[in-house]
Amino acid sequence: MLIDVHAHCRGPIDGADDPWGQDRELVERMKAGGIDIAVVSNLSTPRPSTVEGFQKCNRDMLAALKEFRGFYWGWAYVNPGYALEAIADIDRCLEADEDCIGVKLYNEYHICDPAARQVLGHCEKHDIPILLHAGHSHVNRAAQPNISDAGHIVKASREFPEAKIICGHIGGGGDWEWEIKTLRDASPATAADISGSVTDEGLVEYSIRHIGADRLFFATDNQVHTGVGKFRSAKMSDEDREKIASKNFLRYIGRDA
């Protein structure tokens, strides 16, 4: 089984001949690549997101789970700066559909910012995993001034050691070697996904060597063929390949496929 833990749904497009056309095309590409389940968030609102913006994203995400039942699982996207509203929407989404399994945080705040503390504490208390948009870049930092990197994850994990924080797309650009090595200092509850358009030879093997296969998840961030090819071509044991493909993530979220 192959689970893509970091993907994005478009949601229904009003007025289109096929409102679900973009998602249908994505699902077809994923299935052709051998992916069995994709865990999706919807990020179609302008950012930084308002309360109304992330609520709309999550309504579309929940609708997508119903439309593509059995293939899509979901992440509830929130802006943690609106702590009370964010927590309420997280709980609403998880209660609305058992296939909504966690939270997506983007770049509104660093993960260790005090503004994110209430959402982090809620997720830690209720064992809710968090997929975090992350990266460590040396250029164009003004475009995403509040993007988290592994150093921010380490800091957050010291305050919330049981929080299940997933460092998103270690191959998403920037200094992935720094990112992976820094994650060694994060709590054992943290993990990383291997998605991103970067296909540098040895990225996956380097990650296994430095943080261990047990803390890695397969993902594509909608770069389907790039993501599948990077994973299939990486050199690792059959046992580690099975872990990264799906076993680690299923254990992490405490469920069967």
C-alpha atoms as a PDB file:
ATOM      1  CA  MET A   1       0.000   0.000   0.000  1.00  0.00           C
ATOM      2  CA  LEU A   2       1.166   3.519  -0.843  1.00  0.00           C
ATOM      3  CA  ILE A   3      -0.221   6.492   1.130  1.00  0.00           C
ATOM      4  CA  ASP A   4       0.528  10.034  -0.008  1.00  0.00           C
ATOM      5  CA  VAL A   5       0.421  11.917   3.291  1.00  0.00           C
ATOM      6  CA  HIS A   6       0.863  15.408   1.776  1.00  0.00           C
ATOM      7  CA  ALA A   7      -1.505  16.336  -1.033  1.00  0.00           C
ATOM      8  CA  HIS A   8      -4.035  19.027  -1.895  1.00  0.00           C
ATOM      9  CA  CYS A   9      -7.584  18.891  -3.204  1.00  0.00           C
ATOM     10  CA  ARG A  10      -9.161  21.656  -5.262  1.00  0.00           C
ATOM     11  CA  GLY A  11     -12.755  21.136  -4.201  1.00  0.00           C
ATOM     12  CA  PRO A  12     -15.861  21.735  -6.336  1.00  0.00           C
ATOM     13  CA  ILE A  13     -15.623  24.561  -8.888  1.00  0.00           C
ATOM     14  CA  ASP A  14     -18.871  26.486  -9.213  1.00  0.00           C
ATOM     15  CA  GLY A  15     -20.167  26.753 -12.775  1.00  0.00           C
ATOM     16  CA  ALA A  16     -17.808  24.175 -14.244  1.00  0.00           C
ATOM     17  CA  ASP A  17     -19.139  21.433 -16.517  1.00  0.00           C
ATOM     18  CA  ASP A  18     -17.530  18.976 -14.133  1.00  0.00           C
ATOM     19  CA  PRO A  19     -17.220  20.686 -10.724  1.00  0.00           C
ATOM     20  CA  TRP A  20     -14.852  17.947  -9.584  1.00  0.00           C
ATOM     21  CA  GLY A  21     -12.808  17.830 -12.783  1.00  0.00           C
ATOM     22  CA  GLN A  22      -9.495  18.977 -11.310  1.00  0.00           C
ATOM     23  CA  ASP A  23      -9.710  16.550  -8.416  1.00  0.00           C
ATOM     24  CA  ARG A  24     -10.794  13.739 -10.689  1.00  0.00           C
ATOM     25  CA  GLU A  25      -7.750  14.313 -12.895  1.00  0.00           C
ATOM     26  CA  LEU A  26      -5.461  14.347  -9.838  1.00  0.00           C
ATOM     27  CA  VAL A  27      -6.948  11.121  -8.502  1.00  0.00           C
ATOM     28  CA  GLU A  28      -6.466   9.445 -11.880  1.00  0.00           C
ATOM     29  CA  ARG A  29      -2.794  10.499 -11.981  1.00  0.00           C
ATOM     30  CA  MET A  30      -2.251   9.295  -8.440  1.00  0.00           C
ATOM     31  CA  LYS A  31      -3.845   5.926  -9.085  1.00  0.00           C
ATOM     32  CA  ALA A  32      -1.773   5.538 -12.252  1.00  0.00           C
ATOM     33  CA  GLY A  33       1.309   6.134 -10.108  1.00  0.00           C
ATOM     34  CA  GLY A  34       0.328   3.385  -7.690  1.00  0.00           C
ATOM     35  CA  ILE A  35      -0.977   5.601  -4.886  1.00  0.00           C
ATOM     36  CA  ASP A  36      -3.809   4.044  -2.885  1.00  0.00           C
ATOM     37  CA  ILE A  37      -4.724   6.880  -0.493  1.00  0.00           C
ATOM     38  CA  ALA A  38      -4.000  10.624  -0.541  1.00  0.00           C
ATOM     39  CA  VAL A  39      -4.336  12.786   2.565  1.00  0.00           C
ATOM     40  CA  VAL A  40      -5.436  16.199   1.325  1.00  0.00           C
ATOM     41  CA  SER A  41      -5.915  19.727   2.563  1.00  0.00           C
ATOM     42  CA  ASN A  42      -7.544  22.615   0.737  1.00  0.00           C
ATOM     43  CA  LEU A  43      -5.555  25.854   0.640  1.00  0.00           C
ATOM     44  CA  SER A  44      -7.603  27.802  -1.897  1.00  0.00           C
ATOM     45  CA  THR A  45      -8.082  30.896   0.280  1.00  0.00           C
ATOM     46  CA  PRO A  46      -5.779  33.946   0.158  1.00  0.00           C
ATOM     47  CA  ARG A  47      -3.220  33.870   2.950  1.00  0.00           C
ATOM     48  CA  PRO A  48      -2.822  34.751   5.732  1.00  0.00           C
ATOM     49  CA  SER A  49      -6.175  33.064   6.041  1.00  0.00           C
ATOM     50  CA  THR A  50      -9.162  34.614   7.738  1.00  0.00           C
ATOM     51  CA  VAL A  51     -11.517  32.500   9.831  1.00  0.00           C
ATOM     52  CA  GLU A  52     -14.035  32.510   6.994  1.00  0.00           C
ATOM     53  CA  GLY A  53     -11.271  31.523   4.581  1.00  0.00           C
ATOM     54  CA  PHE A  54     -10.111  28.392   6.376  1.00  0.00           C
ATOM     55  CA  GLN A  55     -13.678  27.399   7.216  1.00  0.00           C
ATOM     56  CA  LYS A  56     -14.499  27.484   3.484  1.00  0.00           C
ATOM     57  CA  CYS A  57     -11.367  25.472   2.695  1.00  0.00           C
ATOM     58  CA  ASN A  58     -12.413  22.831   5.189  1.00  0.00           C
ATOM     59  CA  ARG A  59     -15.962  22.624   3.879  1.00  0.00           C
ATOM     60  CA  ASP A  60     -14.496  21.929   0.450  1.00  0.00           C
ATOM     61  CA  MET A  61     -12.072  19.382   1.926  1.00  0.00           C
ATOM     62  CA  LEU A  62     -14.902  17.525   3.667  1.00  0.00           C
ATOM     63  CA  ALA A  63     -16.934  17.556   0.462  1.00  0.00           C
ATOM     64  CA  ALA A  64     -13.933  16.068  -1.351  1.00  0.00           C
ATOM     65  CA  LEU A  65     -13.682  13.246   1.188  1.00  0.00           C
ATOM     66  CA  LYS A  66     -17.274  12.314   0.396  1.00  0.00           C
ATOM     67  CA  GLU A  67     -16.829  12.651  -3.366  1.00  0.00           C
ATOM     68  CA  PHE A  68     -13.700  10.481  -3.407  1.00  0.00           C
ATOM     69  CA  ARG A  69     -14.557   8.222  -0.498  1.00  0.00           C
ATOM     70  CA  GLY A  70     -11.871   5.693   0.269  1.00  0.00           C
ATOM     71  CA  PHE A  71      -9.166   7.470  -1.726  1.00  0.00           C
ATOM     72  CA  TYR A  72      -9.040  10.876  -0.041  1.00  0.00           C
ATOM     73  CA  TRP A  73      -8.375  11.333   3.647  1.00  0.00           C
ATOM     74  CA  GLY A  74      -8.194  14.856   5.015  1.00  0.00           C
ATOM     75  CA  TRP A  75      -6.238  17.497   6.900  1.00  0.00           C
ATOM     76  CA  ALA A  76      -8.170  20.416   8.427  1.00  0.00           C
ATOM     77  CA  TYR A  77      -6.353  23.628   7.512  1.00  0.00           C
ATOM     78  CA  VAL A  78      -6.442  26.485  10.048  1.00  0.00           C
ATOM     79  CA  ASN A  79      -4.681  29.737  10.873  1.00  0.00           C
ATOM     80  CA  PRO A  80      -3.562  29.227  14.499  1.00  0.00           C
ATOM     81  CA  GLY A  81      -3.607  32.959  15.129  1.00  0.00           C
ATOM     82  CA  TYR A  82      -7.382  32.645  15.470  1.00  0.00           C
ATOM     83  CA  ALA A  83      -6.956  30.095  18.237  1.00  0.00           C
ATOM     84  CA  LEU A  84     -10.528  29.601  19.451  1.00  0.00           C
ATOM     85  CA  GLU A  85     -12.018  29.529  15.966  1.00  0.00           C
ATOM     86  CA  ALA A  86      -9.224  27.277  14.718  1.00  0.00           C
ATOM     87  CA  ILE A  87      -9.719  24.736  17.498  1.00  0.00           C
ATOM     88  CA  ALA A  88     -13.471  24.768  16.947  1.00  0.00           C
ATOM     89  CA  ASP A  89     -13.019  24.081  13.231  1.00  0.00           C
ATOM     90  CA  ILE A  90     -10.480  21.334  13.876  1.00  0.00           C
ATOM     91  CA  ASP A  91     -12.936  19.586  16.174  1.00  0.00           C
ATOM     92  CA  ARG A  92     -15.800  20.151  13.739  1.00  0.00           C
ATOM     93  CA  CYS A  93     -13.888  18.546  10.885  1.00  0.00           C
ATOM     94  CA  LEU A  94     -12.646  15.557  12.870  1.00  0.00           C
ATOM     95  CA  GLU A  95     -16.144  14.916  14.195  1.00  0.00           C
ATOM     96  CA  ALA A  96     -17.760  15.369  10.774  1.00  0.00           C
ATOM     97  CA  ASP A  97     -15.766  12.673   8.988  1.00  0.00           C
ATOM     98  CA  GLU A  98     -13.636   9.860  10.377  1.00  0.00           C
ATOM     99  CA  ASP A  99     -11.374  10.163   7.342  1.00  0.00           C
ATOM    100  CA  CYS A 100     -10.329  13.657   8.433  1.00  0.00           C
ATOM    101  CA  ILE A 101      -7.335  12.637  10.509  1.00  0.00           C
ATOM    102  CA  GLY A 102      -5.388  15.750  11.447  1.00  0.00           C
ATOM    103  CA  VAL A 103      -4.446  19.395  11.023  1.00  0.00           C
ATOM    104  CA  LYS A 104      -2.615  21.328   8.325  1.00  0.00           C
ATOM    105  CA  LEU A 105      -0.678  24.460   9.297  1.00  0.00           C
ATOM    106  CA  TYR A 106       0.807  26.753   6.667  1.00  0.00           C
ATOM    107  CA  ASN A 107       3.061  29.797   6.978  1.00  0.00           C
ATOM    108  CA  GLU A 108       0.967  32.316   8.897  1.00  0.00           C
ATOM    109  CA  TYR A 109       3.150  31.805  11.983  1.00  0.00           C
ATOM    110  CA  HIS A 110       6.264  29.905  12.913  1.00  0.00           C
ATOM    111  CA  ILE A 111       5.241  26.682  14.635  1.00  0.00           C
ATOM    112  CA  CYS A 112       7.016  27.847  17.815  1.00  0.00           C
ATOM    113  CA  ASP A 113       5.338  31.273  17.834  1.00  0.00           C
ATOM    114  CA  PRO A 114       3.213  31.925  20.946  1.00  0.00           C
ATOM    115  CA  ALA A 115       0.292  32.502  18.575  1.00  0.00           C
ATOM    116  CA  ALA A 116       0.349  28.795  17.675  1.00  0.00           C
ATOM    117  CA  ARG A 117       0.564  27.592  21.273  1.00  0.00           C
ATOM    118  CA  GLN A 118      -3.150  26.944  21.869  1.00  0.00           C
ATOM    119  CA  VAL A 119      -3.588  24.942  18.680  1.00  0.00           C
ATOM    120  CA  LEU A 120      -0.408  22.967  19.392  1.00  0.00           C
ATOM    121  CA  GLY A 121      -1.522  22.236  22.935  1.00  0.00           C
ATOM    122  CA  HIS A 122      -4.953  21.116  21.769  1.00  0.00           C
ATOM    123  CA  CYS A 123      -3.452  18.788  19.180  1.00  0.00           C
ATOM    124  CA  GLU A 124      -0.969  17.347  21.664  1.00  0.00           C
ATOM    125  CA  LYS A 125      -3.682  16.768  24.275  1.00  0.00           C
ATOM    126  CA  HIS A 126      -5.987  15.005  21.814  1.00  0.00           C
ATOM    127  CA  ASP A 127      -3.264  13.158  19.854  1.00  0.00           C
ATOM    128  CA  ILE A 128      -4.053  14.997  16.609  1.00  0.00           C
ATOM    129  CA  PRO A 129      -1.204  14.958  14.061  1.00  0.00           C
ATOM    130  CA  ILE A 130      -0.109  18.206  12.407  1.00  0.00           C
ATOM    131  CA  LEU A 131       1.251  18.445   8.865  1.00  0.00           C
ATOM    132  CA  LEU A 132       3.390  21.583   8.701  1.00  0.00           C
ATOM    133  CA  HIS A 133       4.372  23.567   5.609  1.00  0.00           C
ATOM    134  CA  ALA A 134       8.119  23.873   6.158  1.00  0.00           C
ATOM    135  CA  GLY A 135      11.441  24.645   4.528  1.00  0.00           C
ATOM    136  CA  HIS A 136      14.857  26.212   5.151  1.00  0.00           C
ATOM    137  CA  SER A 137      15.804  28.575   2.344  1.00  0.00           C
ATOM    138  CA  HIS A 138      18.686  31.023   2.051  1.00  0.00           C
ATOM    139  CA  VAL A 139      17.060  33.036  -0.758  1.00  0.00           C
ATOM    140  CA  ASN A 140      13.774  34.898  -1.276  1.00  0.00           C
ATOM    141  CA  ARG A 141      12.923  34.626   2.404  1.00  0.00           C
ATOM    142  CA  ALA A 142      10.792  37.766   2.225  1.00  0.00           C
ATOM    143  CA  ALA A 143       8.207  35.802   0.237  1.00  0.00           C
ATOM    144  CA  GLN A 144       7.469  33.598   3.259  1.00  0.00           C
ATOM    145  CA  PRO A 145       8.821  35.391   6.328  1.00  0.00           C
ATOM    146  CA  ASN A 146       6.999  33.111   8.763  1.00  0.00           C
ATOM    147  CA  ILE A 147       7.653  29.749   7.154  1.00  0.00           C
ATOM    148  CA  SER A 148       8.789  27.212   9.732  1.00  0.00           C
ATOM    149  CA  ASP A 149      11.921  25.147   9.379  1.00  0.00           C
ATOM    150  CA  ALA A 150      13.306  22.239  11.364  1.00  0.00           C
ATOM    151  CA  GLY A 151      14.776  24.598  13.946  1.00  0.00           C
ATOM    152  CA  HIS A 152      11.327  25.962  14.721  1.00  0.00           C
ATOM    153  CA  ILE A 153      10.011  22.401  14.956  1.00  0.00           C
ATOM    154  CA  VAL A 154      12.757  21.517  17.441  1.00  0.00           C
ATOM    155  CA  LYS A 155      11.834  24.517  19.577  1.00  0.00           C
ATOM    156  CA  ALA A 156       8.112  23.702  19.480  1.00  0.00           C
ATOM    157  CA  SER A 157       8.757  20.048  20.303  1.00  0.00           C
ATOM    158  CA  ARG A 158      10.616  21.012  23.462  1.00  0.00           C
ATOM    159  CA  GLU A 159       7.501  22.770  24.740  1.00  0.00           C
ATOM    160  CA  PHE A 160       5.118  20.136  23.360  1.00  0.00           C
ATOM    161  CA  PRO A 161       7.172  16.901  23.347  1.00  0.00           C
ATOM    162  CA  GLU A 162       4.219  14.642  22.535  1.00  0.00           C
ATOM    163  CA  ALA A 163       2.912  16.803  19.680  1.00  0.00           C
ATOM    164  CA  LYS A 164       2.905  14.875  16.414  1.00  0.00           C
ATOM    165  CA  ILE A 165       4.436  17.466  14.079  1.00  0.00           C
ATOM    166  CA  ILE A 166       5.261  16.362  10.538  1.00  0.00           C
ATOM    167  CA  CYS A 167       7.872  18.458   8.743  1.00  0.00           C
ATOM    168  CA  GLY A 168       6.336  18.874   5.302  1.00  0.00           C
ATOM    169  CA  HIS A 169       8.160  18.394   2.001  1.00  0.00           C
ATOM    170  CA  ILE A 170      11.805  18.021   2.966  1.00  0.00           C
ATOM    171  CA  GLY A 171      12.373  18.078  -0.797  1.00  0.00           C
ATOM    172  CA  GLY A 172      10.356  21.256  -1.235  1.00  0.00           C
ATOM    173  CA  GLY A 173      13.319  23.531  -1.878  1.00  0.00           C
ATOM    174  CA  GLY A 174      15.977  25.118   0.264  1.00  0.00           C
ATOM    175  CA  ASP A 175      18.693  23.401   2.254  1.00  0.00           C
ATOM    176  CA  TRP A 176      17.281  19.929   2.782  1.00  0.00           C
ATOM    177  CA  GLU A 177      20.487  18.580   4.329  1.00  0.00           C
ATOM    178  CA  TRP A 178      20.321  21.241   7.062  1.00  0.00           C
ATOM    179  CA  GLU A 179      16.634  20.502   7.548  1.00  0.00           C
ATOM    180  CA  ILE A 180      17.138  16.776   8.004  1.00  0.00           C
ATOM    181  CA  LYS A 181      20.149  17.070  10.302  1.00  0.00           C
ATOM    182  CA  THR A 182      18.365  19.620  12.484  1.00  0.00           C
ATOM    183  CA  LEU A 183      15.354  17.324  12.870  1.00  0.00           C
ATOM    184  CA  ARG A 184      17.589  14.907  14.784  1.00  0.00           C
ATOM    185  CA  ASP A 185      17.175  17.227  17.782  1.00  0.00           C
ATOM    186  CA  ALA A 186      13.371  17.245  17.667  1.00  0.00           C
ATOM    187  CA  SER A 187      11.293  14.999  19.913  1.00  0.00           C
ATOM    188  CA  PRO A 188      10.672  11.393  18.800  1.00  0.00           C
ATOM    189  CA  ALA A 189       7.023  12.314  18.206  1.00  0.00           C
ATOM    190  CA  THR A 190       7.995  14.408  15.180  1.00  0.00           C
ATOM    191  CA  ALA A 191       8.350  13.074  11.652  1.00  0.00           C
ATOM    192  CA  ALA A 192       8.927  14.235   8.073  1.00  0.00           C
ATOM    193  CA  ASP A 193       7.499  13.591   4.641  1.00  0.00           C
ATOM    194  CA  ILE A 194       9.704  13.178   1.582  1.00  0.00           C
ATOM    195  CA  SER A 195       7.626  15.225  -0.866  1.00  0.00           C
ATOM    196  CA  GLY A 196       8.679  18.225  -2.928  1.00  0.00           C
ATOM    197  CA  SER A 197       9.925  18.808  -6.444  1.00  0.00           C
ATOM    198  CA  VAL A 198      13.600  18.434  -5.439  1.00  0.00           C
ATOM    199  CA  THR A 199      14.899  15.091  -6.680  1.00  0.00           C
ATOM    200  CA  ASP A 200      18.541  15.317  -5.632  1.00  0.00           C
ATOM    201  CA  GLU A 201      20.097  11.870  -5.652  1.00  0.00           C
ATOM    202  CA  GLY A 202      20.416  10.514  -2.149  1.00  0.00           C
ATOM    203  CA  LEU A 203      17.819  12.737  -0.466  1.00  0.00           C
ATOM    204  CA  VAL A 204      15.734   9.831   0.797  1.00  0.00           C
ATOM    205  CA  GLU A 205      18.762   7.746   1.762  1.00  0.00           C
ATOM    206  CA  TYR A 206      20.265  10.717   3.626  1.00  0.00           C
ATOM    207  CA  SER A 207      17.006  11.128   5.532  1.00  0.00           C
ATOM    208  CA  ILE A 208      16.971   7.471   6.535  1.00  0.00           C
ATOM    209  CA  ARG A 209      20.573   7.686   7.676  1.00  0.00           C
ATOM    210  CA  HIS A 210      20.083  10.782   9.837  1.00  0.00           C
ATOM    211  CA  ILE A 211      16.581  10.508  11.344  1.00  0.00           C
ATOM    212  CA  GLY A 212      15.692   6.885  10.645  1.00  0.00           C
ATOM    213  CA  ALA A 213      13.177   5.244   8.349  1.00  0.00           C
ATOM    214  CA  ASP A 214      10.621   5.007  11.158  1.00  0.00           C
ATOM    215  CA  ARG A 215      10.121   8.805  11.114  1.00  0.00           C
ATOM    216  CA  LEU A 216       9.620   9.168   7.358  1.00  0.00           C
ATOM    217  CA  PHE A 217       6.425   9.165   5.287  1.00  0.00           C
ATOM    218  CA  PHE A 218       5.893   8.934   1.546  1.00  0.00           C
ATOM    219  CA  ALA A 219       4.302  12.029  -0.006  1.00  0.00           C
ATOM    220  CA  THR A 220       4.189  13.966  -3.282  1.00  0.00           C
ATOM    221  CA  ASP A 221       2.643  17.405  -2.575  1.00  0.00           C
ATOM    222  CA  ASN A 222       0.783  16.795  -5.872  1.00  0.00           C
ATOM    223  CA  GLN A 223       4.096  16.318  -7.752  1.00  0.00           C
ATOM    224  CA  VAL A 224       2.892  12.812  -8.445  1.00  0.00           C
ATOM    225  CA  HIS A 225       5.378  11.329 -10.890  1.00  0.00           C
ATOM    226  CA  THR A 226       8.316  13.151  -9.302  1.00  0.00           C
ATOM    227  CA  GLY A 227       7.337  11.922  -5.861  1.00  0.00           C
ATOM    228  CA  VAL A 228       6.722   8.334  -6.878  1.00  0.00           C
ATOM    229  CA  GLY A 229       9.919   8.175  -8.925  1.00  0.00           C
ATOM    230  CA  LYS A 230      12.017   9.627  -6.112  1.00  0.00           C
ATOM    231  CA  PHE A 231      10.672   7.021  -3.707  1.00  0.00           C
ATOM    232  CA  ARG A 232      10.847   4.039  -6.054  1.00  0.00           C
ATOM    233  CA  SER A 233      14.425   4.793  -7.110  1.00  0.00           C
ATOM    234  CA  ALA A 234      15.776   5.376  -3.595  1.00  0.00           C
ATOM    235  CA  LYS A 235      18.010   2.623  -2.263  1.00  0.00           C
ATOM    236  CA  MET A 236      16.714   1.077   0.952  1.00  0.00           C
ATOM    237  CA  SER A 237      15.718  -2.265   2.429  1.00  0.00           C
ATOM    238  CA  ASP A 238      12.351  -3.786   1.592  1.00  0.00           C
ATOM    239  CA  GLU A 239      11.384  -3.368   5.233  1.00  0.00           C
ATOM    240  CA  ASP A 240      12.139   0.354   5.206  1.00  0.00           C
ATOM    241  CA  ARG A 241      10.296   0.806   1.910  1.00  0.00           C
ATOM    242  CA  GLU A 242       7.165  -0.753   3.369  1.00  0.00           C
ATOM    243  CA  LYS A 243       7.448   1.433   6.449  1.00  0.00           C
ATOM    244  CA  ILE A 244       7.799   4.667   4.500  1.00  0.00           C
ATOM    245  CA  ALA A 245       5.131   3.682   1.975  1.00  0.00           C
ATOM    246  CA  SER A 246       2.353   3.348   4.552  1.00  0.00           C
ATOM    247  CA  LYS A 247       3.137   1.414   7.722  1.00  0.00           C
ATOM    248  CA  ASN A 248       4.760   4.328   9.546  1.00  0.00           C
ATOM    249  CA  PHE A 249       1.873   6.672   8.863  1.00  0.00           C
ATOM    250  CA  LEU A 250      -0.823   4.183   9.800  1.00  0.00           C
ATOM    251  CA  ARG A 251       0.966   3.562  13.080  1.00  0.00           C
ATOM    252  CA  TYR A 252       1.419   7.310  13.596  1.00  0.00           C
ATOM    253  CA  ILE A 253      -2.293   8.057  13.286  1.00  0.00           C
ATOM    254  CA  GLY A 254      -3.396   4.865  15.008  1.00  0.00           C
ATOM    255  CA  ARG A 255      -5.563   3.305  12.348  1.00  0.00           C
ATOM    256  CA  ASP A 256      -5.751   0.700   9.642  1.00  0.00           C
ATOM    257  CA  ALA A 257      -6.228   1.518   5.982  1.00  0.00           C
END
